[in-house]
Amino acid sequence: MSSTAKDAPKRLSSMEALSSMEAFSAELDRIMPVVTHVARRFAPLGDAEDVIQEACLAAWRYRHRFDPEQGSFQTWMVRILLNESYKTDGRRRRNGLLLGRLADRSHFSTQPPHGDSDRQLETLIAGLPRRQREVIELYYFVDLPVQQVAELLGISSGTVKSTLADARRRIQFRLAGEETS
């Protein structure tokens, strides 16, 4: 995580700051690298840009609900983005248009996979229960600290830590099972 993000977790300190389109846009510009990274990891195949756009519109529409006492603008925005991603994914599933989202996850990486072990790990992560996958991806791939993952998902820091441990054990167990097969 960049020092800028750590130094200014609550740059928008008042509701008035969000009422200005310029201030709102400036804050979005500041956090857009994180927003884009999260969208690429969580949005359905090929929908990252649409999900980002929908999330930005929803954030602007519901800016009056942002409470800097509850967390940073970045945390609030990523939560909206995750919700939009799940809504988009749900619509695709209901319409029968999901084309192997979990079968080919290489598009989620910010860098191309380096080999079979990376693809294997991506597949194992994709097979985790939703909450474990969210925690693993936000902590390891988006590089958010435990406290911010907790705020984002509405769970305690202890739950984040135990979920990380459970997910790591599950991945290790599956890796050990594949090595003996």
Protein backbone atom coordinates (compact mmCIF):
# COMPACT_ATOMS: atom_id res chain seq x y z
CA MET A 1 0.00 0.00 0.00
CA SER A 2 1.34 3.43 -0.83
CA SER A 3 2.31 5.84 1.89
CA THR A 4 -0.14 8.37 0.45
CA ALA A 5 -3.04 6.04 1.19
CA LYS A 6 -1.75 5.44 4.72
CA ASP A 7 -1.08 9.13 5.37
CA ALA A 8 -4.54 10.31 4.35
CA PRO A 9 -7.10 7.60 5.08
CA LYS A 10 -9.86 10.16 5.62
CA ARG A 11 -9.01 13.00 3.24
CA LEU A 12 -12.68 13.75 2.77
CA SER A 13 -13.39 14.91 6.28
CA SER A 14 -16.81 16.45 5.75
CA MET A 15 -19.99 15.87 3.80
CA GLU A 16 -19.53 19.25 2.09
CA ALA A 17 -16.40 17.98 0.37
CA LEU A 18 -18.47 15.39 -1.48
CA SER A 19 -21.06 17.88 -2.67
CA SER A 20 -18.63 19.42 -5.13
CA MET A 21 -18.20 17.48 -8.37
CA GLU A 22 -14.60 18.70 -8.55
CA ALA A 23 -13.71 17.43 -5.06
CA PHE A 24 -15.53 14.16 -5.68
CA SER A 25 -13.69 13.68 -9.00
CA ALA A 26 -10.35 14.51 -7.40
CA GLU A 27 -10.91 11.85 -4.72
CA LEU A 28 -11.96 9.32 -7.36
CA ASP A 29 -8.84 10.10 -9.39
CA ARG A 30 -6.69 9.58 -6.29
CA ILE A 31 -8.12 6.12 -5.55
CA MET A 32 -8.76 4.97 -9.13
CA PRO A 33 -5.72 2.64 -9.28
CA VAL A 34 -7.10 0.66 -6.33
CA VAL A 35 -10.65 0.76 -7.71
CA THR A 36 -9.45 -0.52 -11.08
CA HIS A 37 -7.40 -3.30 -9.50
CA VAL A 38 -10.33 -4.46 -7.37
CA ALA A 39 -12.69 -4.36 -10.36
CA ARG A 40 -10.35 -6.52 -12.43
CA ARG A 41 -10.20 -9.09 -9.64
CA PHE A 42 -13.89 -9.21 -8.74
CA ALA A 43 -15.95 -8.14 -11.76
CA PRO A 44 -17.28 -10.78 -14.14
CA LEU A 45 -15.18 -11.48 -17.21
CA GLY A 46 -15.04 -8.40 -19.44
CA ASP A 47 -17.20 -6.20 -17.20
CA ALA A 48 -14.61 -4.34 -15.10
CA GLU A 49 -15.03 -0.99 -16.88
CA ASP A 50 -18.82 -1.18 -16.75
CA VAL A 51 -18.74 -2.09 -13.06
CA ILE A 52 -16.40 0.84 -12.33
CA GLN A 53 -18.73 3.21 -14.18
CA GLU A 54 -21.80 1.92 -12.34
CA ALA A 55 -19.98 2.14 -9.00
CA CYS A 56 -18.89 5.73 -9.66
CA LEU A 57 -22.45 6.71 -10.58
CA ALA A 58 -23.82 4.99 -7.48
CA ALA A 59 -21.21 6.70 -5.28
CA TRP A 60 -22.15 10.10 -6.68
CA ARG A 61 -25.86 9.35 -6.33
CA TYR A 62 -25.48 8.20 -2.71
CA ARG A 63 -22.65 10.53 -1.65
CA HIS A 64 -24.84 11.85 1.18
CA ARG A 65 -24.50 8.40 2.81
CA PHE A 66 -20.71 8.59 3.05
CA ASP A 67 -19.66 8.95 6.68
CA PRO A 68 -15.95 9.65 7.19
CA GLU A 69 -16.32 8.48 10.79
CA GLN A 70 -17.13 4.98 9.49
CA GLY A 71 -14.08 4.69 7.23
CA SER A 72 -12.18 6.21 4.36
CA PHE A 73 -13.61 7.27 1.03
CA GLN A 74 -11.55 4.51 -0.58
CA THR A 75 -13.10 1.84 1.66
CA TRP A 76 -16.60 3.17 0.97
CA MET A 77 -15.99 3.27 -2.78
CA VAL A 78 -14.53 -0.25 -2.92
CA ARG A 79 -17.56 -1.56 -1.01
CA ILE A 80 -19.85 0.03 -3.61
CA LEU A 81 -17.69 -1.47 -6.36
CA LEU A 82 -17.92 -4.96 -4.85
CA ASN A 83 -21.70 -4.62 -4.57
CA GLU A 84 -21.94 -3.55 -8.22
CA SER A 85 -19.71 -6.46 -9.21
CA TYR A 86 -21.94 -8.94 -7.40
CA LYS A 87 -25.08 -7.40 -8.92
CA THR A 88 -23.57 -7.67 -12.40
CA ASP A 89 -22.48 -11.25 -11.76
CA GLY A 90 -25.94 -12.13 -10.43
CA ARG A 91 -27.62 -10.68 -13.52
CA ARG A 92 -25.31 -12.68 -15.77
CA ARG A 93 -25.98 -15.88 -13.83
CA ARG A 94 -29.74 -15.33 -13.96
CA ASN A 95 -29.55 -14.73 -17.69
CA GLY A 96 -27.35 -17.76 -18.28
CA LEU A 97 -24.56 -15.67 -19.81
CA LEU A 98 -21.72 -16.53 -17.44
CA LEU A 99 -18.97 -18.01 -19.62
CA GLY A 100 -16.67 -19.82 -17.28
CA ARG A 101 -15.71 -16.93 -15.02
CA LEU A 102 -13.92 -19.29 -12.68
CA ALA A 103 -12.42 -21.42 -15.42
CA ASP A 104 -10.29 -18.62 -16.84
CA ARG A 105 -9.22 -16.14 -14.19
CA SER A 106 -6.01 -14.99 -15.87
CA HIS A 107 -7.73 -11.71 -16.82
CA PHE A 108 -7.94 -10.79 -13.12
CA SER A 109 -4.21 -10.57 -12.68
CA THR A 110 -2.50 -7.25 -13.26
CA GLN A 111 0.37 -9.24 -14.76
CA PRO A 112 0.22 -12.30 -16.98
CA PRO A 113 0.55 -15.66 -15.21
CA HIS A 114 4.11 -16.93 -15.07
CA GLY A 115 3.34 -20.60 -15.28
CA ASP A 116 1.29 -23.54 -14.19
CA SER A 117 1.75 -22.85 -10.48
CA ASP A 118 0.20 -19.36 -10.83
CA ARG A 119 -2.74 -20.77 -12.76
CA GLN A 120 -3.11 -23.52 -10.17
CA LEU A 121 -3.15 -20.97 -7.35
CA GLU A 122 -5.70 -18.80 -9.20
CA THR A 123 -7.91 -21.89 -9.63
CA LEU A 124 -7.58 -22.81 -5.95
CA ILE A 125 -8.47 -19.26 -4.89
CA ALA A 126 -11.44 -19.26 -7.26
CA GLY A 127 -12.67 -22.44 -5.59
CA LEU A 128 -12.69 -20.94 -2.10
CA PRO A 129 -15.97 -19.95 -0.46
CA ARG A 130 -16.92 -16.38 -1.35
CA ARG A 131 -15.90 -14.79 1.97
CA GLN A 132 -12.51 -16.54 2.01
CA ARG A 133 -11.87 -15.51 -1.60
CA GLU A 134 -12.79 -11.90 -0.83
CA VAL A 135 -10.46 -11.75 2.15
CA ILE A 136 -7.56 -13.45 0.33
CA GLU A 137 -7.87 -11.23 -2.73
CA LEU A 138 -8.29 -7.96 -0.83
CA TYR A 139 -5.41 -8.74 1.53
CA TYR A 140 -2.88 -10.28 -0.87
CA PHE A 141 -3.75 -8.93 -4.31
CA VAL A 142 -5.21 -5.50 -3.52
CA ASP A 143 -2.70 -5.16 -0.64
CA LEU A 144 -5.13 -3.77 1.91
CA PRO A 145 -4.25 -4.01 5.61
CA VAL A 146 -6.32 -6.29 7.85
CA GLN A 147 -8.20 -3.36 9.41
CA GLN A 148 -9.26 -1.98 6.03
CA VAL A 149 -10.36 -5.43 4.81
CA ALA A 150 -12.42 -5.71 8.00
CA GLU A 151 -14.04 -2.29 7.47
CA LEU A 152 -14.73 -3.04 3.84
CA LEU A 153 -16.41 -6.37 4.52
CA GLY A 154 -18.12 -5.28 7.73
CA ILE A 155 -16.38 -7.88 9.90
CA SER A 156 -13.88 -7.71 12.77
CA SER A 157 -10.10 -7.75 12.32
CA GLY A 158 -10.02 -11.06 14.18
CA THR A 159 -12.47 -12.54 11.68
CA VAL A 160 -10.27 -11.35 8.81
CA LYS A 161 -7.23 -13.01 10.41
CA SER A 162 -9.04 -16.30 11.07
CA THR A 163 -10.54 -16.28 7.57
CA LEU A 164 -7.07 -15.76 6.10
CA ALA A 165 -5.75 -18.68 8.17
CA ASP A 166 -8.67 -20.92 7.16
CA ALA A 167 -8.23 -20.05 3.47
CA ARG A 168 -4.48 -20.69 3.59
CA ARG A 169 -5.08 -24.08 5.26
CA ARG A 170 -7.68 -24.98 2.64
CA ILE A 171 -5.30 -24.06 -0.19
CA GLN A 172 -2.42 -25.99 1.43
CA PHE A 173 -4.66 -29.02 1.94
CA ARG A 174 -5.75 -28.98 -1.69
CA LEU A 175 -2.18 -28.51 -2.89
CA ALA A 176 -1.03 -31.47 -0.78
CA GLY A 177 -3.89 -33.58 -2.15
CA GLU A 178 -2.94 -32.77 -5.74
CA GLU A 179 0.73 -33.61 -5.15
CA THR A 180 -0.16 -37.11 -3.93
CA SER A 181 -2.64 -37.73 -6.76
